[in-house]
């Protein structure tokens, strides 16, 4: 179903609030988001701490009541590296565990601007290294672990996969990237048309994306050119895991996510890519009653089961 005129008008009005200066409001936004859904009693929750450089990284393990799959999904939440937390993503991780039958380990990484790049991704890497090096602690083998992330979490999953290859400390077998941020430029001169087409009236605005990235970079634009900050800048994308990339039609990050899928494929990696029609950035956090959310879980389950996914996308136009 296409977006109606009335819905477009509502989205335009709602998107206006995204242009407020994030640096002045992020603490309030964090507090408001922290009031979300309480924990559900149907899942076994275990907060496991991993130490890195003298501080603990919290990892919450979700075990579905009916566990039908022995694999583990290592999850990195979204929120622009600035907002959200393991707590605010409880519903997403519960749904992910329930629908896939897998256990889900959700990582609480340091948020910007208190923890600027590369602190957040190093937290994620340390958590992944612990899980991959000691999979028996989670009752799995290393090849049964899949990295998963949405938005900024998709960026972190992609970066951790690159870091794992470069550092040689563990090997990632699979990753699922849901509307990931993969590039550093979201100005009007961006090489990607979705930045201009979807950057003002679809809740996530390009101004908000730029604000997120500047806070994550600690105000240092040079950090944005690091491939672990913007994975699409990596000069070598070979030896990356089997990958599923899911993008949203009305998302300013759509084209860069699809470009990353193509770049991975061109580098010789097995890649499945799907564009969710009529979807906005962030839709994966909606309740399960929404058809697009259910379709996303269908694609995830197909990927986890080794099935080929019919590619649905429109070729993205890039400025070279």
C-alpha atoms as a PDB file:
ATOM      1  CA  UNK A   1       0.000   0.000   0.000  1.00  0.00           C
ATOM      2  CA  UNK A   2       1.442   3.360  -1.054  1.00  0.00           C
ATOM      3  CA  UNK A   3       1.654   6.252   1.388  1.00  0.00           C
ATOM      4  CA  UNK A   4      -1.518   8.359   1.157  1.00  0.00           C
ATOM      5  CA  UNK A   5      -1.605  12.166   0.884  1.00  0.00           C
ATOM      6  CA  UNK A   6      -2.952  12.430   4.428  1.00  0.00           C
ATOM      7  CA  UNK A   7      -0.149  10.218   5.738  1.00  0.00           C
ATOM      8  CA  UNK A   8       2.440  12.233   3.821  1.00  0.00           C
ATOM      9  CA  UNK A   9       1.111  15.426   5.437  1.00  0.00           C
ATOM     10  CA  UNK A  10       1.329  13.842   8.887  1.00  0.00           C
ATOM     11  CA  UNK A  11       4.850  12.603   8.239  1.00  0.00           C
ATOM     12  CA  UNK A  12       5.878  16.057   7.087  1.00  0.00           C
ATOM     13  CA  UNK A  13       4.593  17.556  10.329  1.00  0.00           C
ATOM     14  CA  UNK A  14       6.236  14.899  12.475  1.00  0.00           C
ATOM     15  CA  UNK A  15       9.524  15.212  10.610  1.00  0.00           C
ATOM     16  CA  UNK A  16       9.755  18.868  11.614  1.00  0.00           C
ATOM     17  CA  UNK A  17      10.669  17.866  15.165  1.00  0.00           C
ATOM     18  CA  UNK A  18      13.664  15.925  13.822  1.00  0.00           C
ATOM     19  CA  UNK A  19      15.250  19.241  12.848  1.00  0.00           C
ATOM     20  CA  UNK A  20      15.647  20.323  16.483  1.00  0.00           C
ATOM     21  CA  UNK A  21      19.289  20.514  17.545  1.00  0.00           C
ATOM     22  CA  UNK A  22      20.092  16.982  18.750  1.00  0.00           C
ATOM     23  CA  UNK A  23      23.092  18.125  20.807  1.00  0.00           C
ATOM     24  CA  UNK A  24      20.716  20.133  23.012  1.00  0.00           C
ATOM     25  CA  UNK A  25      17.985  17.493  23.317  1.00  0.00           C
ATOM     26  CA  UNK A  26      19.606  14.051  23.324  1.00  0.00           C
ATOM     27  CA  UNK A  27      19.466  13.654  27.120  1.00  0.00           C
ATOM     28  CA  UNK A  28      15.738  14.391  27.160  1.00  0.00           C
ATOM     29  CA  UNK A  29      15.127  12.043  24.235  1.00  0.00           C
ATOM     30  CA  UNK A  30      17.013   9.283  26.018  1.00  0.00           C
ATOM     31  CA  UNK A  31      14.892   9.746  29.149  1.00  0.00           C
ATOM     32  CA  UNK A  32      11.639   9.647  27.175  1.00  0.00           C
ATOM     33  CA  UNK A  33      12.670   6.522  25.258  1.00  0.00           C
ATOM     34  CA  UNK A  34      13.654   4.880  28.538  1.00  0.00           C
ATOM     35  CA  UNK A  35       9.990   4.846  29.560  1.00  0.00           C
ATOM     36  CA  UNK A  36       9.168   2.170  26.981  1.00  0.00           C
ATOM     37  CA  UNK A  37       7.753  -1.330  27.332  1.00  0.00           C
ATOM     38  CA  UNK A  38       8.757  -3.210  30.506  1.00  0.00           C
ATOM     39  CA  UNK A  39      10.390  -6.614  30.390  1.00  0.00           C
ATOM     40  CA  UNK A  40       8.170  -9.538  29.410  1.00  0.00           C
ATOM     41  CA  UNK A  41       8.019 -12.572  31.743  1.00  0.00           C
ATOM     42  CA  UNK A  42       7.897 -15.022  28.832  1.00  0.00           C
ATOM     43  CA  UNK A  43      11.618 -14.662  28.190  1.00  0.00           C
ATOM     44  CA  UNK A  44      14.632 -15.609  30.246  1.00  0.00           C
ATOM     45  CA  UNK A  45      16.804 -12.511  30.596  1.00  0.00           C
ATOM     46  CA  UNK A  46      20.413 -12.698  31.621  1.00  0.00           C
ATOM     47  CA  UNK A  47      22.625  -9.655  31.934  1.00  0.00           C
ATOM     48  CA  UNK A  48      26.166 -10.818  31.240  1.00  0.00           C
ATOM     49  CA  UNK A  49      29.064  -8.351  31.561  1.00  0.00           C
ATOM     50  CA  UNK A  50      32.175  -8.326  29.404  1.00  0.00           C
ATOM     51  CA  UNK A  51      35.163  -6.223  30.439  1.00  0.00           C
ATOM     52  CA  UNK A  52      37.027  -3.887  28.089  1.00  0.00           C
ATOM     53  CA  UNK A  53      39.747  -1.476  29.205  1.00  0.00           C
ATOM     54  CA  UNK A  54      38.503  -1.374  32.765  1.00  0.00           C
ATOM     55  CA  UNK A  55      34.788  -0.983  32.106  1.00  0.00           C
ATOM     56  CA  UNK A  56      31.999  -3.519  31.733  1.00  0.00           C
ATOM     57  CA  UNK A  57      29.954  -4.082  28.565  1.00  0.00           C
ATOM     58  CA  UNK A  58      26.514  -5.406  29.384  1.00  0.00           C
ATOM     59  CA  UNK A  59      25.112  -8.200  27.223  1.00  0.00           C
ATOM     60  CA  UNK A  60      21.509  -9.274  27.711  1.00  0.00           C
ATOM     61  CA  UNK A  61      20.541 -12.756  26.614  1.00  0.00           C
ATOM     62  CA  UNK A  62      16.994 -13.449  25.432  1.00  0.00           C
ATOM     63  CA  UNK A  63      15.911 -17.078  25.357  1.00  0.00           C
ATOM     64  CA  UNK A  64      12.481 -17.710  23.820  1.00  0.00           C
ATOM     65  CA  UNK A  65      10.055 -19.822  25.824  1.00  0.00           C
ATOM     66  CA  UNK A  66       9.972 -22.246  22.909  1.00  0.00           C
ATOM     67  CA  UNK A  67      13.532 -22.409  21.651  1.00  0.00           C
ATOM     68  CA  UNK A  68      13.439 -24.197  18.303  1.00  0.00           C
ATOM     69  CA  UNK A  69      16.844 -23.178  16.957  1.00  0.00           C
ATOM     70  CA  UNK A  70      20.248 -23.673  18.564  1.00  0.00           C
ATOM     71  CA  UNK A  71      21.857 -20.651  16.941  1.00  0.00           C
ATOM     72  CA  UNK A  72      22.688 -17.286  18.545  1.00  0.00           C
ATOM     73  CA  UNK A  73      21.957 -13.822  17.123  1.00  0.00           C
ATOM     74  CA  UNK A  74      24.384 -11.169  18.411  1.00  0.00           C
ATOM     75  CA  UNK A  75      22.405  -7.931  18.204  1.00  0.00           C
ATOM     76  CA  UNK A  76      23.517  -4.282  18.082  1.00  0.00           C
ATOM     77  CA  UNK A  77      20.689  -1.773  18.560  1.00  0.00           C
ATOM     78  CA  UNK A  78      20.033   1.373  16.551  1.00  0.00           C
ATOM     79  CA  UNK A  79      19.523   4.934  17.729  1.00  0.00           C
ATOM     80  CA  UNK A  80      22.141   6.884  15.807  1.00  0.00           C
ATOM     81  CA  UNK A  81      24.938   5.855  18.209  1.00  0.00           C
ATOM     82  CA  UNK A  82      23.382   8.452  20.575  1.00  0.00           C
ATOM     83  CA  UNK A  83      19.940   7.214  21.668  1.00  0.00           C
ATOM     84  CA  UNK A  84      18.319   3.881  22.581  1.00  0.00           C
ATOM     85  CA  UNK A  85      19.679   1.073  24.734  1.00  0.00           C
ATOM     86  CA  UNK A  86      19.362  -2.615  25.498  1.00  0.00           C
ATOM     87  CA  UNK A  87      16.342  -1.697  27.639  1.00  0.00           C
ATOM     88  CA  UNK A  88      14.500   0.282  24.958  1.00  0.00           C
ATOM     89  CA  UNK A  89      15.109  -2.544  22.468  1.00  0.00           C
ATOM     90  CA  UNK A  90      13.541  -5.223  24.669  1.00  0.00           C
ATOM     91  CA  UNK A  91      10.494  -5.597  22.429  1.00  0.00           C
ATOM     92  CA  UNK A  92      12.598  -5.880  19.267  1.00  0.00           C
ATOM     93  CA  UNK A  93      14.861  -8.532  20.765  1.00  0.00           C
ATOM     94  CA  UNK A  94      11.946 -10.459  22.250  1.00  0.00           C
ATOM     95  CA  UNK A  95      10.234 -10.517  18.866  1.00  0.00           C
ATOM     96  CA  UNK A  96      13.471 -11.546  17.171  1.00  0.00           C
ATOM     97  CA  UNK A  97      13.925 -14.433  19.611  1.00  0.00           C
ATOM     98  CA  UNK A  98      10.308 -15.539  19.367  1.00  0.00           C
ATOM     99  CA  UNK A  99      10.042 -15.421  15.584  1.00  0.00           C
ATOM    100  CA  UNK A 100      13.375 -17.110  14.831  1.00  0.00           C
ATOM    101  CA  UNK A 101      13.418 -19.503  17.790  1.00  0.00           C
ATOM    102  CA  UNK A 102      17.036 -18.412  18.380  1.00  0.00           C
ATOM    103  CA  UNK A 103      18.575 -16.893  21.451  1.00  0.00           C
ATOM    104  CA  UNK A 104      19.456 -13.218  21.066  1.00  0.00           C
ATOM    105  CA  UNK A 105      22.392 -11.524  22.808  1.00  0.00           C
ATOM    106  CA  UNK A 106      21.906  -7.741  22.852  1.00  0.00           C
ATOM    107  CA  UNK A 107      24.988  -5.560  23.420  1.00  0.00           C
ATOM    108  CA  UNK A 108      24.959  -2.324  25.447  1.00  0.00           C
ATOM    109  CA  UNK A 109      27.719  -0.246  23.851  1.00  0.00           C
ATOM    110  CA  UNK A 110      28.866   3.230  24.897  1.00  0.00           C
ATOM    111  CA  UNK A 111      26.766   6.041  23.419  1.00  0.00           C
ATOM    112  CA  UNK A 112      27.953   9.321  21.943  1.00  0.00           C
ATOM    113  CA  UNK A 113      28.695  12.063  22.684  1.00  0.00           C
ATOM    114  CA  UNK A 114      30.035  10.718  25.975  1.00  0.00           C
ATOM    115  CA  UNK A 115      31.736   7.891  24.055  1.00  0.00           C
ATOM    116  CA  UNK A 116      32.837   9.036  20.616  1.00  0.00           C
ATOM    117  CA  UNK A 117      34.134   6.915  17.753  1.00  0.00           C
ATOM    118  CA  UNK A 118      35.700   4.403  17.982  1.00  0.00           C
ATOM    119  CA  UNK A 119      34.507   3.678  21.539  1.00  0.00           C
ATOM    120  CA  UNK A 120      31.079   2.330  20.580  1.00  0.00           C
ATOM    121  CA  UNK A 121      32.328   0.018  17.852  1.00  0.00           C
ATOM    122  CA  UNK A 122      35.225  -1.160  20.049  1.00  0.00           C
ATOM    123  CA  UNK A 123      32.670  -2.133  22.716  1.00  0.00           C
ATOM    124  CA  UNK A 124      30.741  -4.102  20.098  1.00  0.00           C
ATOM    125  CA  UNK A 125      33.931  -5.724  18.857  1.00  0.00           C
ATOM    126  CA  UNK A 126      34.977  -6.717  22.387  1.00  0.00           C
ATOM    127  CA  UNK A 127      31.572  -8.276  23.015  1.00  0.00           C
ATOM    128  CA  UNK A 128      31.686 -10.137  19.710  1.00  0.00           C
ATOM    129  CA  UNK A 129      35.237 -11.365  20.370  1.00  0.00           C
ATOM    130  CA  UNK A 130      34.160 -12.763  23.754  1.00  0.00           C
ATOM    131  CA  UNK A 131      31.168 -14.541  22.251  1.00  0.00           C
ATOM    132  CA  UNK A 132      33.033 -15.911  19.218  1.00  0.00           C
ATOM    133  CA  UNK A 133      36.065 -17.012  21.227  1.00  0.00           C
ATOM    134  CA  UNK A 134      33.965 -18.675  23.934  1.00  0.00           C
ATOM    135  CA  UNK A 135      30.787 -19.818  22.183  1.00  0.00           C
ATOM    136  CA  UNK A 136      30.434 -22.672  24.662  1.00  0.00           C
ATOM    137  CA  UNK A 137      29.384 -20.075  27.242  1.00  0.00           C
ATOM    138  CA  UNK A 138      26.298 -19.578  25.105  1.00  0.00           C
ATOM    139  CA  UNK A 139      25.860 -23.214  24.126  1.00  0.00           C
ATOM    140  CA  UNK A 140      26.714 -22.702  20.440  1.00  0.00           C
ATOM    141  CA  UNK A 141      29.559 -23.111  17.985  1.00  0.00           C
ATOM    142  CA  UNK A 142      31.167 -20.006  16.497  1.00  0.00           C
ATOM    143  CA  UNK A 143      29.749 -20.726  13.033  1.00  0.00           C
ATOM    144  CA  UNK A 144      26.256 -20.699  14.567  1.00  0.00           C
ATOM    145  CA  UNK A 145      26.509 -17.018  15.540  1.00  0.00           C
ATOM    146  CA  UNK A 146      25.026 -14.296  13.313  1.00  0.00           C
ATOM    147  CA  UNK A 147      25.651 -10.576  13.732  1.00  0.00           C
ATOM    148  CA  UNK A 148      22.454  -8.497  13.492  1.00  0.00           C
ATOM    149  CA  UNK A 149      21.927  -4.749  13.678  1.00  0.00           C
ATOM    150  CA  UNK A 150      19.497  -2.082  12.556  1.00  0.00           C
ATOM    151  CA  UNK A 151      20.393   1.470  11.486  1.00  0.00           C
ATOM    152  CA  UNK A 152      23.433   2.511  13.557  1.00  0.00           C
ATOM    153  CA  UNK A 153      23.468  -1.086  14.818  1.00  0.00           C
ATOM    154  CA  UNK A 154      23.732  -2.264  11.206  1.00  0.00           C
ATOM    155  CA  UNK A 155      26.685   0.077  10.797  1.00  0.00           C
ATOM    156  CA  UNK A 156      28.288  -1.428  13.907  1.00  0.00           C
ATOM    157  CA  UNK A 157      27.698  -5.002  12.729  1.00  0.00           C
ATOM    158  CA  UNK A 158      29.309  -4.230   9.358  1.00  0.00           C
ATOM    159  CA  UNK A 159      32.245  -2.528  11.079  1.00  0.00           C
ATOM    160  CA  UNK A 160      32.742  -5.441  13.493  1.00  0.00           C
ATOM    161  CA  UNK A 161      32.833  -7.835  10.535  1.00  0.00           C
ATOM    162  CA  UNK A 162      35.546  -5.719   8.904  1.00  0.00           C
ATOM    163  CA  UNK A 163      37.498  -5.469  12.142  1.00  0.00           C
ATOM    164  CA  UNK A 164      37.290  -9.228  12.690  1.00  0.00           C
ATOM    165  CA  UNK A 165      38.794  -9.835   9.253  1.00  0.00           C
ATOM    166  CA  UNK A 166      41.499  -7.204   9.702  1.00  0.00           C
ATOM    167  CA  UNK A 167      42.532  -8.269  13.219  1.00  0.00           C
ATOM    168  CA  UNK A 168      42.178 -12.010  12.658  1.00  0.00           C
ATOM    169  CA  UNK A 169      40.917 -12.763  16.167  1.00  0.00           C
ATOM    170  CA  UNK A 170      37.684 -14.485  15.119  1.00  0.00           C
ATOM    171  CA  UNK A 171      35.650 -15.159  11.986  1.00  0.00           C
ATOM    172  CA  UNK A 172      32.103 -13.981  11.345  1.00  0.00           C
ATOM    173  CA  UNK A 173      30.004 -16.448   9.343  1.00  0.00           C
ATOM    174  CA  UNK A 174      26.860 -14.365   8.770  1.00  0.00           C
ATOM    175  CA  UNK A 175      25.512 -10.852   9.245  1.00  0.00           C
ATOM    176  CA  UNK A 176      22.087  -9.240   8.873  1.00  0.00           C
ATOM    177  CA  UNK A 177      22.086  -5.488   8.260  1.00  0.00           C
ATOM    178  CA  UNK A 178      18.708  -3.735   8.518  1.00  0.00           C
ATOM    179  CA  UNK A 179      18.657  -0.287   6.858  1.00  0.00           C
ATOM    180  CA  UNK A 180      22.321   0.226   7.847  1.00  0.00           C
ATOM    181  CA  UNK A 181      24.241   3.494   7.786  1.00  0.00           C
ATOM    182  CA  UNK A 182      27.287   2.778   5.629  1.00  0.00           C
ATOM    183  CA  UNK A 183      28.423   6.157   4.276  1.00  0.00           C
ATOM    184  CA  UNK A 184      29.618   9.450   5.745  1.00  0.00           C
ATOM    185  CA  UNK A 185      28.113  12.153   3.490  1.00  0.00           C
ATOM    186  CA  UNK A 186      24.424  13.076   3.820  1.00  0.00           C
ATOM    187  CA  UNK A 187      24.704  16.604   2.496  1.00  0.00           C
ATOM    188  CA  UNK A 188      22.733  17.817  -0.559  1.00  0.00           C
ATOM    189  CA  UNK A 189      25.787  16.848  -2.625  1.00  0.00           C
ATOM    190  CA  UNK A 190      25.687  13.220  -1.494  1.00  0.00           C
ATOM    191  CA  UNK A 191      26.274  10.622  -4.197  1.00  0.00           C
ATOM    192  CA  UNK A 192      22.993   8.943  -3.188  1.00  0.00           C
ATOM    193  CA  UNK A 193      19.614  10.137  -4.441  1.00  0.00           C
ATOM    194  CA  UNK A 194      17.712   8.742  -1.440  1.00  0.00           C
ATOM    195  CA  UNK A 195      19.376  11.409   0.725  1.00  0.00           C
ATOM    196  CA  UNK A 196      17.573  14.085  -1.309  1.00  0.00           C
ATOM    197  CA  UNK A 197      14.394  12.141  -2.093  1.00  0.00           C
ATOM    198  CA  UNK A 198      13.709  10.917   1.451  1.00  0.00           C
ATOM    199  CA  UNK A 199      15.657  13.351   3.593  1.00  0.00           C
ATOM    200  CA  UNK A 200      12.951  15.763   4.777  1.00  0.00           C
ATOM    201  CA  UNK A 201       9.467  14.276   5.123  1.00  0.00           C
ATOM    202  CA  UNK A 202       9.897  10.693   6.351  1.00  0.00           C
ATOM    203  CA  UNK A 203      10.628  11.029  10.089  1.00  0.00           C
ATOM    204  CA  UNK A 204      14.381  10.439   9.849  1.00  0.00           C
ATOM    205  CA  UNK A 205      15.729  13.588   8.218  1.00  0.00           C
ATOM    206  CA  UNK A 206      19.158  14.105   6.723  1.00  0.00           C
ATOM    207  CA  UNK A 207      19.742  16.840   9.297  1.00  0.00           C
ATOM    208  CA  UNK A 208      19.147  14.325  12.064  1.00  0.00           C
ATOM    209  CA  UNK A 209      21.490  11.835  10.360  1.00  0.00           C
ATOM    210  CA  UNK A 210      24.196  14.512  10.125  1.00  0.00           C
ATOM    211  CA  UNK A 211      23.668  15.427  13.790  1.00  0.00           C
ATOM    212  CA  UNK A 212      23.986  11.786  14.845  1.00  0.00           C
ATOM    213  CA  UNK A 213      27.171  11.323  12.864  1.00  0.00           C
ATOM    214  CA  UNK A 214      28.771  14.522  14.114  1.00  0.00           C
ATOM    215  CA  UNK A 215      28.097  13.533  17.733  1.00  0.00           C
ATOM    216  CA  UNK A 216      29.433  10.014  17.061  1.00  0.00           C
ATOM    217  CA  UNK A 217      32.538  11.541  15.459  1.00  0.00           C
ATOM    218  CA  UNK A 218      33.026  13.869  18.433  1.00  0.00           C
ATOM    219  CA  UNK A 219      32.898  16.852  16.101  1.00  0.00           C
ATOM    220  CA  UNK A 220      35.926  15.599  14.152  1.00  0.00           C
ATOM    221  CA  UNK A 221      34.934  15.171  10.493  1.00  0.00           C
ATOM    222  CA  UNK A 222      38.192  13.295   9.789  1.00  0.00           C
ATOM    223  CA  UNK A 223      36.891  10.343  11.811  1.00  0.00           C
ATOM    224  CA  UNK A 224      34.017   9.978   9.359  1.00  0.00           C
ATOM    225  CA  UNK A 225      36.446   8.821   6.678  1.00  0.00           C
ATOM    226  CA  UNK A 226      37.493   5.775   8.675  1.00  0.00           C
ATOM    227  CA  UNK A 227      36.044   2.550   7.153  1.00  0.00           C
ATOM    228  CA  UNK A 228      35.004   1.414  10.623  1.00  0.00           C
ATOM    229  CA  UNK A 229      32.906   4.598  10.786  1.00  0.00           C
ATOM    230  CA  UNK A 230      31.608   4.350   7.193  1.00  0.00           C
ATOM    231  CA  UNK A 231      32.080   0.755   5.947  1.00  0.00           C
ATOM    232  CA  UNK A 232      31.329   1.682   2.336  1.00  0.00           C
ATOM    233  CA  UNK A 233      34.657   3.548   2.320  1.00  0.00           C
ATOM    234  CA  UNK A 234      36.608   0.334   2.941  1.00  0.00           C
ATOM    235  CA  UNK A 235      39.107  -0.125   0.076  1.00  0.00           C
ATOM    236  CA  UNK A 236      38.841  -3.898   0.401  1.00  0.00           C
ATOM    237  CA  UNK A 237      35.540  -5.673   1.135  1.00  0.00           C
ATOM    238  CA  UNK A 238      36.745  -9.184   0.401  1.00  0.00           C
ATOM    239  CA  UNK A 239      36.456 -12.062   2.885  1.00  0.00           C
ATOM    240  CA  UNK A 240      33.266 -10.756   4.433  1.00  0.00           C
ATOM    241  CA  UNK A 241      30.502 -13.000   5.795  1.00  0.00           C
ATOM    242  CA  UNK A 242      27.370 -14.176   4.076  1.00  0.00           C
ATOM    243  CA  UNK A 243      25.160 -11.094   4.309  1.00  0.00           C
ATOM    244  CA  UNK A 244      21.500 -10.070   4.230  1.00  0.00           C
ATOM    245  CA  UNK A 245      20.816  -6.357   3.690  1.00  0.00           C
ATOM    246  CA  UNK A 246      17.257  -5.082   4.136  1.00  0.00           C
ATOM    247  CA  UNK A 247      16.490  -1.468   3.221  1.00  0.00           C
ATOM    248  CA  UNK A 248      13.344   0.703   3.439  1.00  0.00           C
ATOM    249  CA  UNK A 249      11.830   2.437   0.430  1.00  0.00           C
ATOM    250  CA  UNK A 250      11.331   5.867   2.043  1.00  0.00           C
ATOM    251  CA  UNK A 251      14.594   6.005   3.975  1.00  0.00           C
ATOM    252  CA  UNK A 252      17.397   8.518   3.357  1.00  0.00           C
ATOM    253  CA  UNK A 253      19.848   5.664   4.077  1.00  0.00           C
ATOM    254  CA  UNK A 254      18.262   3.363   1.474  1.00  0.00           C
ATOM    255  CA  UNK A 255      20.723   3.819  -1.378  1.00  0.00           C
ATOM    256  CA  UNK A 256      23.880   3.558   0.717  1.00  0.00           C
ATOM    257  CA  UNK A 257      22.636   0.301   2.243  1.00  0.00           C
ATOM    258  CA  UNK A 258      21.987  -1.110  -1.206  1.00  0.00           C
ATOM    259  CA  UNK A 259      25.323   0.206  -2.461  1.00  0.00           C
ATOM    260  CA  UNK A 260      27.020  -1.657   0.384  1.00  0.00           C
ATOM    261  CA  UNK A 261      25.235  -4.856  -0.638  1.00  0.00           C
ATOM    262  CA  UNK A 262      26.457  -4.404  -4.210  1.00  0.00           C
ATOM    263  CA  UNK A 263      30.000  -3.611  -3.077  1.00  0.00           C
ATOM    264  CA  UNK A 264      30.096  -6.735  -0.923  1.00  0.00           C
ATOM    265  CA  UNK A 265      28.798  -8.811  -3.812  1.00  0.00           C
ATOM    266  CA  UNK A 266      31.307  -7.264  -6.240  1.00  0.00           C
ATOM    267  CA  UNK A 267      34.071  -8.226  -3.792  1.00  0.00           C
ATOM    268  CA  UNK A 268      33.055 -11.876  -4.070  1.00  0.00           C
ATOM    269  CA  UNK A 269      30.869 -12.264  -0.981  1.00  0.00           C
ATOM    270  CA  UNK A 270      27.478 -14.035  -0.912  1.00  0.00           C
ATOM    271  CA  UNK A 271      24.851 -11.326  -0.443  1.00  0.00           C
ATOM    272  CA  UNK A 272      21.040 -11.227  -0.321  1.00  0.00           C
ATOM    273  CA  UNK A 273      19.389  -7.824  -0.572  1.00  0.00           C
ATOM    274  CA  UNK A 274      15.738  -6.794  -0.184  1.00  0.00           C
ATOM    275  CA  UNK A 275      14.049  -3.387  -0.250  1.00  0.00           C
ATOM    276  CA  UNK A 276      10.903  -3.245   1.883  1.00  0.00           C
ATOM    277  CA  UNK A 277       8.191  -1.414  -0.098  1.00  0.00           C
ATOM    278  CA  UNK A 278       6.429   1.587   1.488  1.00  0.00           C
ATOM    279  CA  UNK A 279       8.607   1.358   4.612  1.00  0.00           C
ATOM    280  CA  UNK A 280      10.256   4.170   6.558  1.00  0.00           C
ATOM    281  CA  UNK A 281      13.486   4.071   8.497  1.00  0.00           C
ATOM    282  CA  UNK A 282      12.911   2.517  11.910  1.00  0.00           C
ATOM    283  CA  UNK A 283       9.923   0.378  10.897  1.00  0.00           C
ATOM    284  CA  UNK A 284      11.552  -2.782  12.309  1.00  0.00           C
ATOM    285  CA  UNK A 285      10.773  -1.509  15.824  1.00  0.00           C
ATOM    286  CA  UNK A 286       7.029  -1.457  15.114  1.00  0.00           C
ATOM    287  CA  UNK A 287       4.755  -4.145  16.633  1.00  0.00           C
ATOM    288  CA  UNK A 288       4.468  -7.506  14.925  1.00  0.00           C
ATOM    289  CA  UNK A 289       0.942  -6.727  13.686  1.00  0.00           C
ATOM    290  CA  UNK A 290       2.396  -4.608  10.882  1.00  0.00           C
ATOM    291  CA  UNK A 291       2.724  -6.655   7.651  1.00  0.00           C
ATOM    292  CA  UNK A 292       6.100  -5.138   6.725  1.00  0.00           C
ATOM    293  CA  UNK A 293       7.525  -6.243  10.076  1.00  0.00           C
ATOM    294  CA  UNK A 294       6.248  -9.781   9.543  1.00  0.00           C
ATOM    295  CA  UNK A 295       7.689  -9.797   6.018  1.00  0.00           C
ATOM    296  CA  UNK A 296      11.050  -8.711   7.424  1.00  0.00           C
ATOM    297  CA  UNK A 297      11.056 -11.649   9.827  1.00  0.00           C
ATOM    298  CA  UNK A 298      10.142 -13.936   6.917  1.00  0.00           C
ATOM    299  CA  UNK A 299      13.241 -12.720   5.046  1.00  0.00           C
ATOM    300  CA  UNK A 300      15.396 -13.151   8.146  1.00  0.00           C
ATOM    301  CA  UNK A 301      14.175 -16.693   8.701  1.00  0.00           C
ATOM    302  CA  UNK A 302      14.761 -17.562   5.042  1.00  0.00           C
ATOM    303  CA  UNK A 303      18.301 -16.220   5.277  1.00  0.00           C
ATOM    304  CA  UNK A 304      19.049 -18.080   8.517  1.00  0.00           C
ATOM    305  CA  UNK A 305      17.744 -21.273   6.940  1.00  0.00           C
ATOM    306  CA  UNK A 306      20.067 -20.839   3.954  1.00  0.00           C
ATOM    307  CA  UNK A 307      17.265 -20.103   1.490  1.00  0.00           C
ATOM    308  CA  UNK A 308      17.689 -17.674  -1.398  1.00  0.00           C
ATOM    309  CA  UNK A 309      15.681 -14.464  -1.102  1.00  0.00           C
ATOM    310  CA  UNK A 310      14.054 -12.963  -4.157  1.00  0.00           C
ATOM    311  CA  UNK A 311      15.717  -9.603  -4.594  1.00  0.00           C
ATOM    312  CA  UNK A 312      13.259  -6.693  -4.620  1.00  0.00           C
ATOM    313  CA  UNK A 313      14.767  -3.327  -5.342  1.00  0.00           C
ATOM    314  CA  UNK A 314      14.960  -0.506  -7.825  1.00  0.00           C
ATOM    315  CA  UNK A 315      18.421   0.355  -9.057  1.00  0.00           C
ATOM    316  CA  UNK A 316      19.761   3.224  -6.987  1.00  0.00           C
ATOM    317  CA  UNK A 317      21.219   6.138  -8.897  1.00  0.00           C
ATOM    318  CA  UNK A 318      24.588   7.337  -7.678  1.00  0.00           C
ATOM    319  CA  UNK A 319      26.673  10.383  -8.471  1.00  0.00           C
ATOM    320  CA  UNK A 320      30.196   9.252  -9.212  1.00  0.00           C
END
